[in-house]
Amino acid sequence: MSTQTDTRVPHRQPGPSITSAGLSAELAAVQPVYRRRRELCVMTRDGVRLSVRDGGARRAESTVVFLHGFCLTGDTWTRQIDYLLRRYGDRIRVISYDHRGHGRSGGAPMTTYRIEQLAADLADVLVGLDVAGPLTLVGHSMGGMTALAYLGRSAADRPVDPDGLVLVATAAGRIAERGLGRLLATPRIAALIRLINRTPDQALRVLSRPVSATLGHWYAHGSPQPATLTAVIAAALATTPVSTAVGFLAAFSGYDQYRSLGEIGAHTVVISGGADLLTPPAHSHDLAAWIPDAVHVHVPGAGHMLPQQASHVISDAIQTAMFGVAGRLGPVSERYSKRA
């Protein structure tokens, strides 16, 4: 049985804001805490170098691992990471990294751009950094799918089972059936994959600019500053290799983790945005209904980029998942509602 909470203030103002200079500007605003993090490299079993940021104490009371979304980077979580490190200091360990083919991580064969491979990469990160429980996984969009795919692996292939799970604007499958995901069911994706194998990357980069701008608009939908957030996201998309973007787009249509949802034992918080065009709230309703005792927090005015558009909601959800107090979100959500 799940619990749903309606949070009606998705855009609380305090904290660093996103500017057209990109996520690096937001990162600069929290440098004193954020720079305490160690820059590391983890090599996956198939030889891909992953860029990892590791903050807090290695043997902290609790570890939080952040998983970013499609064509974004680990810097997506700047606000939440800064909040946790400021509040808990060395009591918490905070890890984020760039998925293969994204950000500062190495590229890989296009055939490996699959959600199941990202789950294997997550296992490699946990082993490589010697992570032990208690563990909370926090995933946005494709990062949430990665967390679910990890939990769908056999027990022998999960080095650590999370005690907490936060799923932000994500899905367990059926992506091509809802919202803009229905575009994945068109022949255009298959045509794009054939094109990428015959076209130089520089030419593809020019051809993909209008697509990046459009995706940036969809990502930023629901933001109080849509123009600046669109610019930031479009820039991130424009610097992501085309093979990465197309490879993962093709993987989304076949992704399905519904079968394993009922086996999840972690304290789970599912968060959706009412204006999310990419992963409509119906996906979150499914997650909350299928995962035992999940809490569903819905932010009516927010879009897909909830880590920026409703950063305080995400931070509260992380703490709820960490401490396993499902009722904690009740008074928090009421407080937000009174500010509406």
C-alpha atoms as a PDB file:
ATOM      1  CA  MET A   1       0.000   0.000   0.000  1.00  0.00           C
ATOM      2  CA  SER A   2       1.434   3.374  -1.002  1.00  0.00           C
ATOM      3  CA  THR A   3       0.981   6.844   0.447  1.00  0.00           C
ATOM      4  CA  GLN A   4       0.588   9.905  -1.778  1.00  0.00           C
ATOM      5  CA  THR A   5       1.376  13.465  -0.757  1.00  0.00           C
ATOM      6  CA  ASP A   6       0.507  16.524  -2.816  1.00  0.00           C
ATOM      7  CA  THR A   7       3.218  19.172  -2.472  1.00  0.00           C
ATOM      8  CA  ARG A   8       1.999  22.499  -3.828  1.00  0.00           C
ATOM      9  CA  VAL A   9       5.042  24.727  -3.555  1.00  0.00           C
ATOM     10  CA  PRO A  10       7.534  23.355  -6.054  1.00  0.00           C
ATOM     11  CA  HIS A  11       9.658  26.489  -6.359  1.00  0.00           C
ATOM     12  CA  ARG A  12      10.983  27.672  -3.007  1.00  0.00           C
ATOM     13  CA  GLN A  13      13.448  30.472  -3.691  1.00  0.00           C
ATOM     14  CA  PRO A  14      16.384  30.221  -1.218  1.00  0.00           C
ATOM     15  CA  GLY A  15      19.534  28.579  -2.500  1.00  0.00           C
ATOM     16  CA  PRO A  16      21.652  29.045  -5.611  1.00  0.00           C
ATOM     17  CA  SER A  17      19.750  29.613  -8.838  1.00  0.00           C
ATOM     18  CA  ILE A  18      20.501  28.257 -12.279  1.00  0.00           C
ATOM     19  CA  THR A  19      21.816  30.828 -14.734  1.00  0.00           C
ATOM     20  CA  SER A  20      22.545  30.732 -18.434  1.00  0.00           C
ATOM     21  CA  ALA A  21      26.193  30.117 -17.564  1.00  0.00           C
ATOM     22  CA  GLY A  22      25.134  26.580 -16.807  1.00  0.00           C
ATOM     23  CA  LEU A  23      25.322  24.254 -13.878  1.00  0.00           C
ATOM     24  CA  SER A  24      28.906  25.407 -13.266  1.00  0.00           C
ATOM     25  CA  ALA A  25      27.540  28.722 -11.971  1.00  0.00           C
ATOM     26  CA  GLU A  26      25.378  26.906  -9.460  1.00  0.00           C
ATOM     27  CA  LEU A  27      28.350  24.774  -8.508  1.00  0.00           C
ATOM     28  CA  ALA A  28      30.469  27.897  -7.915  1.00  0.00           C
ATOM     29  CA  ALA A  29      27.892  29.219  -5.463  1.00  0.00           C
ATOM     30  CA  VAL A  30      28.441  26.239  -3.170  1.00  0.00           C
ATOM     31  CA  GLN A  31      32.175  25.710  -3.671  1.00  0.00           C
ATOM     32  CA  PRO A  32      33.171  25.790   0.045  1.00  0.00           C
ATOM     33  CA  VAL A  33      31.250  22.570   0.738  1.00  0.00           C
ATOM     34  CA  TYR A  34      31.168  21.034  -2.731  1.00  0.00           C
ATOM     35  CA  ARG A  35      34.949  21.183  -3.154  1.00  0.00           C
ATOM     36  CA  ARG A  36      35.486  18.956  -0.141  1.00  0.00           C
ATOM     37  CA  ARG A  37      34.636  16.098  -2.465  1.00  0.00           C
ATOM     38  CA  ARG A  38      37.331  13.848  -3.859  1.00  0.00           C
ATOM     39  CA  GLU A  39      37.652  13.489  -7.641  1.00  0.00           C
ATOM     40  CA  LEU A  40      38.144   9.815  -8.391  1.00  0.00           C
ATOM     41  CA  CYS A  41      38.097   7.362 -11.256  1.00  0.00           C
ATOM     42  CA  VAL A  42      36.452   3.940 -11.214  1.00  0.00           C
ATOM     43  CA  MET A  43      37.173   1.496 -14.016  1.00  0.00           C
ATOM     44  CA  THR A  44      34.267  -0.732 -15.005  1.00  0.00           C
ATOM     45  CA  ARG A  45      34.691  -4.407 -15.752  1.00  0.00           C
ATOM     46  CA  ASP A  46      34.587  -3.706 -19.483  1.00  0.00           C
ATOM     47  CA  GLY A  47      37.250  -1.003 -19.217  1.00  0.00           C
ATOM     48  CA  VAL A  48      35.244   2.247 -19.189  1.00  0.00           C
ATOM     49  CA  ARG A  49      36.586   5.042 -16.980  1.00  0.00           C
ATOM     50  CA  LEU A  50      33.875   6.607 -14.803  1.00  0.00           C
ATOM     51  CA  SER A  51      34.390  10.060 -13.293  1.00  0.00           C
ATOM     52  CA  VAL A  52      33.334   9.954  -9.633  1.00  0.00           C
ATOM     53  CA  ARG A  53      32.968  12.587  -6.895  1.00  0.00           C
ATOM     54  CA  ASP A  54      33.155  11.268  -3.331  1.00  0.00           C
ATOM     55  CA  GLY A  55      32.413  13.512  -0.334  1.00  0.00           C
ATOM     56  CA  GLY A  56      32.179  13.123   3.421  1.00  0.00           C
ATOM     57  CA  ALA A  57      33.776  10.381   5.496  1.00  0.00           C
ATOM     58  CA  ARG A  58      34.518   7.025   3.878  1.00  0.00           C
ATOM     59  CA  ARG A  59      33.172   5.185   6.925  1.00  0.00           C
ATOM     60  CA  ALA A  60      30.221   7.454   7.571  1.00  0.00           C
ATOM     61  CA  GLU A  61      27.009   6.381   9.269  1.00  0.00           C
ATOM     62  CA  SER A  62      25.170   6.465   5.937  1.00  0.00           C
ATOM     63  CA  THR A  63      26.039   6.659   2.229  1.00  0.00           C
ATOM     64  CA  VAL A  64      23.978   8.329  -0.498  1.00  0.00           C
ATOM     65  CA  VAL A  65      24.709   7.583  -4.161  1.00  0.00           C
ATOM     66  CA  PHE A  66      23.254   9.959  -6.764  1.00  0.00           C
ATOM     67  CA  LEU A  67      22.412   8.808 -10.305  1.00  0.00           C
ATOM     68  CA  HIS A  68      21.812  11.468 -12.956  1.00  0.00           C
ATOM     69  CA  GLY A  69      19.501  11.527 -15.942  1.00  0.00           C
ATOM     70  CA  PHE A  70      19.785  11.179 -19.695  1.00  0.00           C
ATOM     71  CA  CYS A  71      22.403  13.483 -21.271  1.00  0.00           C
ATOM     72  CA  LEU A  72      23.051  15.239 -17.940  1.00  0.00           C
ATOM     73  CA  THR A  73      25.906  14.805 -15.412  1.00  0.00           C
ATOM     74  CA  GLY A  74      26.443  14.226 -11.717  1.00  0.00           C
ATOM     75  CA  ASP A  75      26.407  18.001 -11.233  1.00  0.00           C
ATOM     76  CA  THR A  76      22.610  17.753 -11.514  1.00  0.00           C
ATOM     77  CA  TRP A  77      22.644  17.031  -7.772  1.00  0.00           C
ATOM     78  CA  THR A  78      24.668  20.068  -6.614  1.00  0.00           C
ATOM     79  CA  ARG A  79      21.940  21.455  -4.368  1.00  0.00           C
ATOM     80  CA  GLN A  80      21.116  18.169  -2.672  1.00  0.00           C
ATOM     81  CA  ILE A  81      24.776  17.260  -2.156  1.00  0.00           C
ATOM     82  CA  ASP A  82      25.571  20.652  -0.663  1.00  0.00           C
ATOM     83  CA  TYR A  83      22.567  20.413   1.656  1.00  0.00           C
ATOM     84  CA  LEU A  84      23.481  16.939   2.930  1.00  0.00           C
ATOM     85  CA  LEU A  85      27.150  17.765   3.500  1.00  0.00           C
ATOM     86  CA  ARG A  86      26.282  20.980   5.322  1.00  0.00           C
ATOM     87  CA  ARG A  87      23.704  19.289   7.518  1.00  0.00           C
ATOM     88  CA  TYR A  88      25.429  16.008   8.327  1.00  0.00           C
ATOM     89  CA  GLY A  89      29.140  16.638   7.751  1.00  0.00           C
ATOM     90  CA  ASP A  90      31.244  13.526   8.281  1.00  0.00           C
ATOM     91  CA  ARG A  91      28.223  11.530   9.412  1.00  0.00           C
ATOM     92  CA  ILE A  92      27.344  11.056   5.741  1.00  0.00           C
ATOM     93  CA  ARG A  93      29.158   9.951   2.604  1.00  0.00           C
ATOM     94  CA  VAL A  94      27.878  11.384  -0.664  1.00  0.00           C
ATOM     95  CA  ILE A  95      28.846   9.913  -4.036  1.00  0.00           C
ATOM     96  CA  SER A  96      27.912  11.019  -7.536  1.00  0.00           C
ATOM     97  CA  TYR A  97      29.339  10.097 -10.904  1.00  0.00           C
ATOM     98  CA  ASP A  98      28.850  10.584 -14.631  1.00  0.00           C
ATOM     99  CA  HIS A  99      27.375   7.629 -16.501  1.00  0.00           C
ATOM    100  CA  ARG A 100      29.402   6.116 -19.318  1.00  0.00           C
ATOM    101  CA  GLY A 101      29.361   8.381 -22.358  1.00  0.00           C
ATOM    102  CA  HIS A 102      28.340  11.378 -20.231  1.00  0.00           C
ATOM    103  CA  GLY A 103      30.217  14.327 -18.767  1.00  0.00           C
ATOM    104  CA  ARG A 104      33.785  13.532 -17.741  1.00  0.00           C
ATOM    105  CA  SER A 105      33.401   9.768 -18.009  1.00  0.00           C
ATOM    106  CA  GLY A 106      34.774   7.799 -20.907  1.00  0.00           C
ATOM    107  CA  GLY A 107      32.832   6.744 -23.943  1.00  0.00           C
ATOM    108  CA  ALA A 108      32.009   3.155 -24.789  1.00  0.00           C
ATOM    109  CA  PRO A 109      30.703   1.090 -27.693  1.00  0.00           C
ATOM    110  CA  MET A 110      27.196   2.176 -28.615  1.00  0.00           C
ATOM    111  CA  THR A 111      25.951  -1.356 -27.999  1.00  0.00           C
ATOM    112  CA  THR A 112      26.706  -0.907 -24.278  1.00  0.00           C
ATOM    113  CA  TYR A 113      24.457   2.129 -23.910  1.00  0.00           C
ATOM    114  CA  ARG A 114      21.757   0.182 -22.104  1.00  0.00           C
ATOM    115  CA  ILE A 115      20.093   0.653 -18.724  1.00  0.00           C
ATOM    116  CA  GLU A 116      21.172  -2.826 -17.641  1.00  0.00           C
ATOM    117  CA  GLN A 117      24.786  -1.861 -18.336  1.00  0.00           C
ATOM    118  CA  LEU A 118      24.389   1.269 -16.202  1.00  0.00           C
ATOM    119  CA  ALA A 119      23.186  -1.002 -13.385  1.00  0.00           C
ATOM    120  CA  ALA A 120      26.348  -3.070 -13.802  1.00  0.00           C
ATOM    121  CA  ASP A 121      28.388   0.148 -13.713  1.00  0.00           C
ATOM    122  CA  LEU A 122      26.672   1.107 -10.454  1.00  0.00           C
ATOM    123  CA  ALA A 123      27.707  -2.230  -8.971  1.00  0.00           C
ATOM    124  CA  ASP A 124      31.286  -1.559 -10.096  1.00  0.00           C
ATOM    125  CA  VAL A 125      31.225   1.869  -8.425  1.00  0.00           C
ATOM    126  CA  LEU A 126      29.950   0.414  -5.148  1.00  0.00           C
ATOM    127  CA  VAL A 127      32.667  -2.245  -5.173  1.00  0.00           C
ATOM    128  CA  GLY A 128      35.391   0.122  -6.364  1.00  0.00           C
ATOM    129  CA  LEU A 129      34.669   2.623  -3.588  1.00  0.00           C
ATOM    130  CA  ASP A 130      34.161  -0.084  -0.957  1.00  0.00           C
ATOM    131  CA  VAL A 131      30.657   1.116  -0.134  1.00  0.00           C
ATOM    132  CA  ALA A 132      28.880  -0.638   2.712  1.00  0.00           C
ATOM    133  CA  GLY A 133      25.436  -0.056   4.180  1.00  0.00           C
ATOM    134  CA  PRO A 134      23.375   1.766   5.155  1.00  0.00           C
ATOM    135  CA  LEU A 135      22.964   2.931   1.547  1.00  0.00           C
ATOM    136  CA  THR A 136      20.414   5.194  -0.133  1.00  0.00           C
ATOM    137  CA  LEU A 137      20.144   5.369  -3.928  1.00  0.00           C
ATOM    138  CA  VAL A 138      18.771   8.580  -5.461  1.00  0.00           C
ATOM    139  CA  GLY A 139      17.982   8.485  -9.171  1.00  0.00           C
ATOM    140  CA  HIS A 140      16.552  11.077 -11.546  1.00  0.00           C
ATOM    141  CA  SER A 141      14.996   9.978 -14.838  1.00  0.00           C
ATOM    142  CA  MET A 142      17.461   7.526 -16.416  1.00  0.00           C
ATOM    143  CA  GLY A 143      19.258   7.430 -13.056  1.00  0.00           C
ATOM    144  CA  GLY A 144      16.088   6.135 -11.413  1.00  0.00           C
ATOM    145  CA  MET A 145      15.826   3.486 -14.115  1.00  0.00           C
ATOM    146  CA  THR A 146      19.424   2.535 -13.332  1.00  0.00           C
ATOM    147  CA  ALA A 147      18.579   2.092  -9.645  1.00  0.00           C
ATOM    148  CA  LEU A 148      15.582  -0.093 -10.513  1.00  0.00           C
ATOM    149  CA  ALA A 149      17.648  -2.178 -12.933  1.00  0.00           C
ATOM    150  CA  TYR A 150      20.273  -2.625 -10.208  1.00  0.00           C
ATOM    151  CA  LEU A 151      17.601  -3.864  -7.803  1.00  0.00           C
ATOM    152  CA  GLY A 152      16.366  -6.205 -10.521  1.00  0.00           C
ATOM    153  CA  ARG A 153      19.736  -7.978 -10.672  1.00  0.00           C
ATOM    154  CA  SER A 154      20.322 -11.232  -8.831  1.00  0.00           C
ATOM    155  CA  ALA A 155      21.456 -10.976  -5.206  1.00  0.00           C
ATOM    156  CA  ALA A 156      24.928 -12.167  -6.214  1.00  0.00           C
ATOM    157  CA  ASP A 157      25.223  -9.225  -8.617  1.00  0.00           C
ATOM    158  CA  ARG A 158      24.197  -6.613  -6.029  1.00  0.00           C
ATOM    159  CA  PRO A 159      27.227  -5.894  -3.812  1.00  0.00           C
ATOM    160  CA  VAL A 160      25.103  -3.731  -1.494  1.00  0.00           C
ATOM    161  CA  ASP A 161      21.338  -3.659  -1.073  1.00  0.00           C
ATOM    162  CA  PRO A 162      20.018  -0.144  -0.412  1.00  0.00           C
ATOM    163  CA  ASP A 163      18.026   0.647   2.704  1.00  0.00           C
ATOM    164  CA  GLY A 164      16.599   3.768   1.067  1.00  0.00           C
ATOM    165  CA  LEU A 165      15.486   4.593  -2.480  1.00  0.00           C
ATOM    166  CA  VAL A 166      14.412   7.928  -3.987  1.00  0.00           C
ATOM    167  CA  LEU A 167      12.966   7.789  -7.509  1.00  0.00           C
ATOM    168  CA  VAL A 168      12.624  11.194  -9.167  1.00  0.00           C
ATOM    169  CA  ALA A 169      10.701  11.725 -12.428  1.00  0.00           C
ATOM    170  CA  THR A 170      11.381   8.204 -13.603  1.00  0.00           C
ATOM    171  CA  ALA A 171       9.699   5.005 -14.764  1.00  0.00           C
ATOM    172  CA  ALA A 172       9.801   1.228 -14.499  1.00  0.00           C
ATOM    173  CA  GLY A 173       9.085   0.804 -18.212  1.00  0.00           C
ATOM    174  CA  ARG A 174       6.342   1.454 -20.793  1.00  0.00           C
ATOM    175  CA  ILE A 175       8.178   4.622 -21.761  1.00  0.00           C
ATOM    176  CA  ALA A 176       7.041   4.457 -25.370  1.00  0.00           C
ATOM    177  CA  GLU A 177       3.394   4.368 -24.253  1.00  0.00           C
ATOM    178  CA  ARG A 178       3.143   7.710 -22.430  1.00  0.00           C
ATOM    179  CA  GLY A 179       3.909  11.388 -22.955  1.00  0.00           C
ATOM    180  CA  LEU A 180       6.705  12.347 -25.297  1.00  0.00           C
ATOM    181  CA  GLY A 181       8.097   8.847 -24.856  1.00  0.00           C
ATOM    182  CA  ARG A 182       5.594   7.780 -27.493  1.00  0.00           C
ATOM    183  CA  LEU A 183       7.993   9.260 -30.032  1.00  0.00           C
ATOM    184  CA  LEU A 184      10.272   6.294 -29.329  1.00  0.00           C
ATOM    185  CA  ALA A 185       7.747   4.035 -31.019  1.00  0.00           C
ATOM    186  CA  THR A 186       8.215   5.829 -34.347  1.00  0.00           C
ATOM    187  CA  PRO A 187      10.591   4.583 -37.059  1.00  0.00           C
ATOM    188  CA  ARG A 188      12.679   7.754 -36.655  1.00  0.00           C
ATOM    189  CA  ILE A 189      14.836   6.315 -33.872  1.00  0.00           C
ATOM    190  CA  ALA A 190      15.821   3.297 -35.959  1.00  0.00           C
ATOM    191  CA  ALA A 191      16.576   5.623 -38.867  1.00  0.00           C
ATOM    192  CA  LEU A 192      18.707   7.814 -36.597  1.00  0.00           C
ATOM    193  CA  ILE A 193      20.724   4.807 -35.444  1.00  0.00           C
ATOM    194  CA  ARG A 194      21.401   3.848 -39.065  1.00  0.00           C
ATOM    195  CA  LEU A 195      22.378   7.436 -39.817  1.00  0.00           C
ATOM    196  CA  ILE A 196      24.850   7.674 -36.951  1.00  0.00           C
ATOM    197  CA  ASN A 197      26.811   4.713 -38.253  1.00  0.00           C
ATOM    198  CA  ARG A 198      27.385   6.479 -41.586  1.00  0.00           C
ATOM    199  CA  THR A 199      27.763  10.140 -40.635  1.00  0.00           C
ATOM    200  CA  PRO A 200      30.847  11.841 -39.127  1.00  0.00           C
ATOM    201  CA  ASP A 201      30.280  13.019 -35.549  1.00  0.00           C
ATOM    202  CA  GLN A 202      30.935  16.673 -36.429  1.00  0.00           C
ATOM    203  CA  ALA A 203      28.185  16.642 -39.047  1.00  0.00           C
ATOM    204  CA  LEU A 204      25.840  14.882 -36.641  1.00  0.00           C
ATOM    205  CA  ARG A 205      26.577  17.545 -34.049  1.00  0.00           C
ATOM    206  CA  VAL A 206      25.356  20.257 -36.426  1.00  0.00           C
ATOM    207  CA  LEU A 207      22.287  18.245 -37.405  1.00  0.00           C
ATOM    208  CA  SER A 208      21.409  17.538 -33.772  1.00  0.00           C
ATOM    209  CA  ARG A 209      21.441  21.158 -32.534  1.00  0.00           C
ATOM    210  CA  PRO A 210      17.729  21.767 -33.218  1.00  0.00           C
ATOM    211  CA  VAL A 211      16.931  18.483 -31.459  1.00  0.00           C
ATOM    212  CA  SER A 212      19.029  19.525 -28.447  1.00  0.00           C
ATOM    213  CA  ALA A 213      17.189  22.832 -28.240  1.00  0.00           C
ATOM    214  CA  THR A 214      13.803  21.082 -28.385  1.00  0.00           C
ATOM    215  CA  LEU A 215      14.765  18.541 -25.731  1.00  0.00           C
ATOM    216  CA  GLY A 216      16.068  21.382 -23.570  1.00  0.00           C
ATOM    217  CA  HIS A 217      12.634  23.004 -23.766  1.00  0.00           C
ATOM    218  CA  TRP A 218      10.916  19.758 -22.779  1.00  0.00           C
ATOM    219  CA  TYR A 219      13.280  19.226 -19.853  1.00  0.00           C
ATOM    220  CA  ALA A 220      12.732  22.779 -18.579  1.00  0.00           C
ATOM    221  CA  HIS A 221       8.939  22.727 -18.899  1.00  0.00           C
ATOM    222  CA  GLY A 222       7.420  23.686 -15.554  1.00  0.00           C
ATOM    223  CA  SER A 223      10.399  25.754 -14.414  1.00  0.00           C
ATOM    224  CA  PRO A 224       9.896  29.309 -13.058  1.00  0.00           C
ATOM    225  CA  GLN A 225      12.891  30.275 -15.242  1.00  0.00           C
ATOM    226  CA  PRO A 226      12.260  28.191 -18.364  1.00  0.00           C
ATOM    227  CA  ALA A 227      14.495  30.191 -20.696  1.00  0.00           C
ATOM    228  CA  THR A 228      17.613  29.912 -18.527  1.00  0.00           C
ATOM    229  CA  LEU A 229      17.024  26.275 -17.624  1.00  0.00           C
ATOM    230  CA  THR A 230      16.392  25.469 -21.288  1.00  0.00           C
ATOM    231  CA  ALA A 231      19.723  27.079 -22.179  1.00  0.00           C
ATOM    232  CA  VAL A 232      21.549  25.087 -19.507  1.00  0.00           C
ATOM    233  CA  ILE A 233      20.037  21.777 -20.552  1.00  0.00           C
ATOM    234  CA  ALA A 234      20.437  22.429 -24.276  1.00  0.00           C
ATOM    235  CA  ALA A 235      24.129  23.123 -23.624  1.00  0.00           C
ATOM    236  CA  ALA A 236      24.460  19.831 -21.729  1.00  0.00           C
ATOM    237  CA  LEU A 237      22.733  17.964 -24.532  1.00  0.00           C
ATOM    238  CA  ALA A 238      24.905  19.684 -27.119  1.00  0.00           C
ATOM    239  CA  THR A 239      28.097  18.491 -25.393  1.00  0.00           C
ATOM    240  CA  THR A 240      26.903  14.897 -25.044  1.00  0.00           C
ATOM    241  CA  PRO A 241      28.192  12.648 -27.845  1.00  0.00           C
ATOM    242  CA  VAL A 242      25.466  11.945 -30.361  1.00  0.00           C
ATOM    243  CA  SER A 243      26.179   8.224 -30.134  1.00  0.00           C
ATOM    244  CA  THR A 244      25.460   8.375 -26.386  1.00  0.00           C
ATOM    245  CA  ALA A 245      22.132  10.140 -26.853  1.00  0.00           C
ATOM    246  CA  VAL A 246      20.929   7.915 -29.679  1.00  0.00           C
ATOM    247  CA  GLY A 247      22.172   4.732 -28.034  1.00  0.00           C
ATOM    248  CA  PHE A 248      20.252   5.324 -24.834  1.00  0.00           C
ATOM    249  CA  LEU A 249      17.157   6.565 -26.660  1.00  0.00           C
ATOM    250  CA  ALA A 250      17.022   3.255 -28.466  1.00  0.00           C
ATOM    251  CA  ALA A 251      17.402   1.416 -25.147  1.00  0.00           C
ATOM    252  CA  PHE A 252      14.475   3.155 -23.469  1.00  0.00           C
ATOM    253  CA  SER A 253      11.808   1.472 -25.570  1.00  0.00           C
ATOM    254  CA  GLY A 254      12.893  -1.999 -24.439  1.00  0.00           C
ATOM    255  CA  TYR A 255      13.440  -1.133 -20.784  1.00  0.00           C
ATOM    256  CA  ASP A 256      11.082  -2.902 -18.352  1.00  0.00           C
ATOM    257  CA  GLN A 257      11.577  -3.465 -14.616  1.00  0.00           C
ATOM    258  CA  TYR A 258       7.959  -3.950 -13.562  1.00  0.00           C
ATOM    259  CA  ARG A 259       8.558  -7.595 -12.701  1.00  0.00           C
ATOM    260  CA  SER A 260      10.982  -6.754  -9.876  1.00  0.00           C
ATOM    261  CA  LEU A 261       9.142  -3.834  -8.242  1.00  0.00           C
ATOM    262  CA  GLY A 262       7.282  -6.027  -5.772  1.00  0.00           C
ATOM    263  CA  GLU A 263      10.575  -7.381  -4.418  1.00  0.00           C
ATOM    264  CA  ILE A 264      11.998  -3.991  -3.425  1.00  0.00           C
ATOM    265  CA  GLY A 265      12.505  -3.822   0.325  1.00  0.00           C
ATOM    266  CA  ALA A 266      14.059  -0.364   0.588  1.00  0.00           C
ATOM    267  CA  HIS A 267      12.219   2.579   2.136  1.00  0.00           C
ATOM    268  CA  THR A 268      11.073   4.208  -1.104  1.00  0.00           C
ATOM    269  CA  VAL A 269       9.958   7.735  -1.965  1.00  0.00           C
ATOM    270  CA  VAL A 270       8.663   8.382  -5.490  1.00  0.00           C
ATOM    271  CA  ILE A 271       8.504  11.994  -6.709  1.00  0.00           C
ATOM    272  CA  SER A 272       6.651  13.253  -9.787  1.00  0.00           C
ATOM    273  CA  GLY A 273       6.048  16.612 -11.441  1.00  0.00           C
ATOM    274  CA  GLY A 274       2.623  17.510 -12.771  1.00  0.00           C
ATOM    275  CA  ALA A 275       4.125  19.355 -15.756  1.00  0.00           C
ATOM    276  CA  ASP A 276       6.603  16.608 -16.673  1.00  0.00           C
ATOM    277  CA  LEU A 277       6.358  15.943 -20.413  1.00  0.00           C
ATOM    278  CA  LEU A 278       9.064  13.274 -20.529  1.00  0.00           C
ATOM    279  CA  THR A 279       8.026  10.976 -17.678  1.00  0.00           C
ATOM    280  CA  PRO A 280       4.375  11.847 -16.954  1.00  0.00           C
ATOM    281  CA  PRO A 281       3.051  11.266 -13.405  1.00  0.00           C
ATOM    282  CA  ALA A 282       1.358   8.025 -14.503  1.00  0.00           C
ATOM    283  CA  HIS A 283       4.791   6.381 -14.340  1.00  0.00           C
ATOM    284  CA  SER A 284       5.211   7.461 -10.718  1.00  0.00           C
ATOM    285  CA  HIS A 285       1.714   6.259  -9.864  1.00  0.00           C
ATOM    286  CA  ASP A 286       2.744   2.828 -11.135  1.00  0.00           C
ATOM    287  CA  LEU A 287       5.943   2.848  -9.082  1.00  0.00           C
ATOM    288  CA  ALA A 288       4.126   3.841  -5.908  1.00  0.00           C
ATOM    289  CA  ALA A 289       1.452   1.198  -6.478  1.00  0.00           C
ATOM    290  CA  TRP A 290       3.861  -1.644  -7.244  1.00  0.00           C
ATOM    291  CA  ILE A 291       6.662  -0.977  -4.712  1.00  0.00           C
ATOM    292  CA  PRO A 292       5.655  -2.122  -1.204  1.00  0.00           C
ATOM    293  CA  ASP A 293       4.934   0.756   1.213  1.00  0.00           C
ATOM    294  CA  ALA A 294       6.252   3.400  -1.187  1.00  0.00           C
ATOM    295  CA  VAL A 295       5.508   7.065  -0.490  1.00  0.00           C
ATOM    296  CA  HIS A 296       4.475   9.151  -3.520  1.00  0.00           C
ATOM    297  CA  VAL A 297       5.102  12.896  -3.445  1.00  0.00           C
ATOM    298  CA  HIS A 298       3.539  14.813  -6.343  1.00  0.00           C
ATOM    299  CA  VAL A 299       4.612  18.382  -7.170  1.00  0.00           C
ATOM    300  CA  PRO A 300       1.833  19.761  -9.412  1.00  0.00           C
ATOM    301  CA  GLY A 301       3.656  22.727 -10.943  1.00  0.00           C
ATOM    302  CA  ALA A 302       7.045  21.139 -11.579  1.00  0.00           C
ATOM    303  CA  GLY A 303       8.342  19.526 -14.736  1.00  0.00           C
ATOM    304  CA  HIS A 304      11.027  16.947 -15.403  1.00  0.00           C
ATOM    305  CA  MET A 305      13.961  18.757 -13.778  1.00  0.00           C
ATOM    306  CA  LEU A 306      12.808  18.285 -10.194  1.00  0.00           C
ATOM    307  CA  PRO A 307      16.343  18.363  -8.698  1.00  0.00           C
ATOM    308  CA  GLN A 308      16.415  22.058  -9.642  1.00  0.00           C
ATOM    309  CA  GLN A 309      12.723  22.959  -9.720  1.00  0.00           C
ATOM    310  CA  ALA A 310      11.866  21.381  -6.354  1.00  0.00           C
ATOM    311  CA  SER A 311      15.243  20.867  -4.716  1.00  0.00           C
ATOM    312  CA  HIS A 312      13.868  21.096  -1.168  1.00  0.00           C
ATOM    313  CA  VAL A 313      11.353  18.331  -1.873  1.00  0.00           C
ATOM    314  CA  ILE A 314      14.162  16.056  -3.071  1.00  0.00           C
ATOM    315  CA  SER A 315      16.294  16.803   0.003  1.00  0.00           C
ATOM    316  CA  ASP A 316      13.406  16.009   2.335  1.00  0.00           C
ATOM    317  CA  ALA A 317      12.702  12.787   0.448  1.00  0.00           C
ATOM    318  CA  ILE A 318      16.325  11.680   0.756  1.00  0.00           C
ATOM    319  CA  GLN A 319      16.188  12.088   4.518  1.00  0.00           C
ATOM    320  CA  THR A 320      12.895  10.225   4.676  1.00  0.00           C
ATOM    321  CA  ALA A 321      14.395   7.326   2.725  1.00  0.00           C
ATOM    322  CA  MET A 322      17.598   7.384   4.784  1.00  0.00           C
ATOM    323  CA  PHE A 323      15.856   7.199   8.114  1.00  0.00           C
ATOM    324  CA  GLY A 324      12.946   5.051   7.000  1.00  0.00           C
ATOM    325  CA  VAL A 325      10.316   7.316   8.512  1.00  0.00           C
ATOM    326  CA  ALA A 326       7.472   7.229   6.019  1.00  0.00           C
ATOM    327  CA  GLY A 327       5.382   9.674   8.024  1.00  0.00           C
ATOM    328  CA  ARG A 328       8.045  12.360   7.937  1.00  0.00           C
ATOM    329  CA  LEU A 329       6.801  13.789   4.648  1.00  0.00           C
ATOM    330  CA  GLY A 330       3.324  14.472   6.031  1.00  0.00           C
ATOM    331  CA  PRO A 331       4.068  17.581   8.096  1.00  0.00           C
ATOM    332  CA  VAL A 332       6.711  18.701   5.617  1.00  0.00           C
ATOM    333  CA  SER A 333       4.203  18.678   2.769  1.00  0.00           C
ATOM    334  CA  GLU A 334       1.620  20.466   4.905  1.00  0.00           C
ATOM    335  CA  ARG A 335       4.145  23.185   5.585  1.00  0.00           C
ATOM    336  CA  TYR A 336       4.735  23.666   1.856  1.00  0.00           C
ATOM    337  CA  SER A 337       0.999  23.694   1.204  1.00  0.00           C
ATOM    338  CA  LYS A 338       0.447  26.549   3.625  1.00  0.00           C
ATOM    339  CA  ARG A 339       2.927  28.640   1.650  1.00  0.00           C
ATOM    340  CA  ALA A 340       0.971  28.191  -1.575  1.00  0.00           C
END
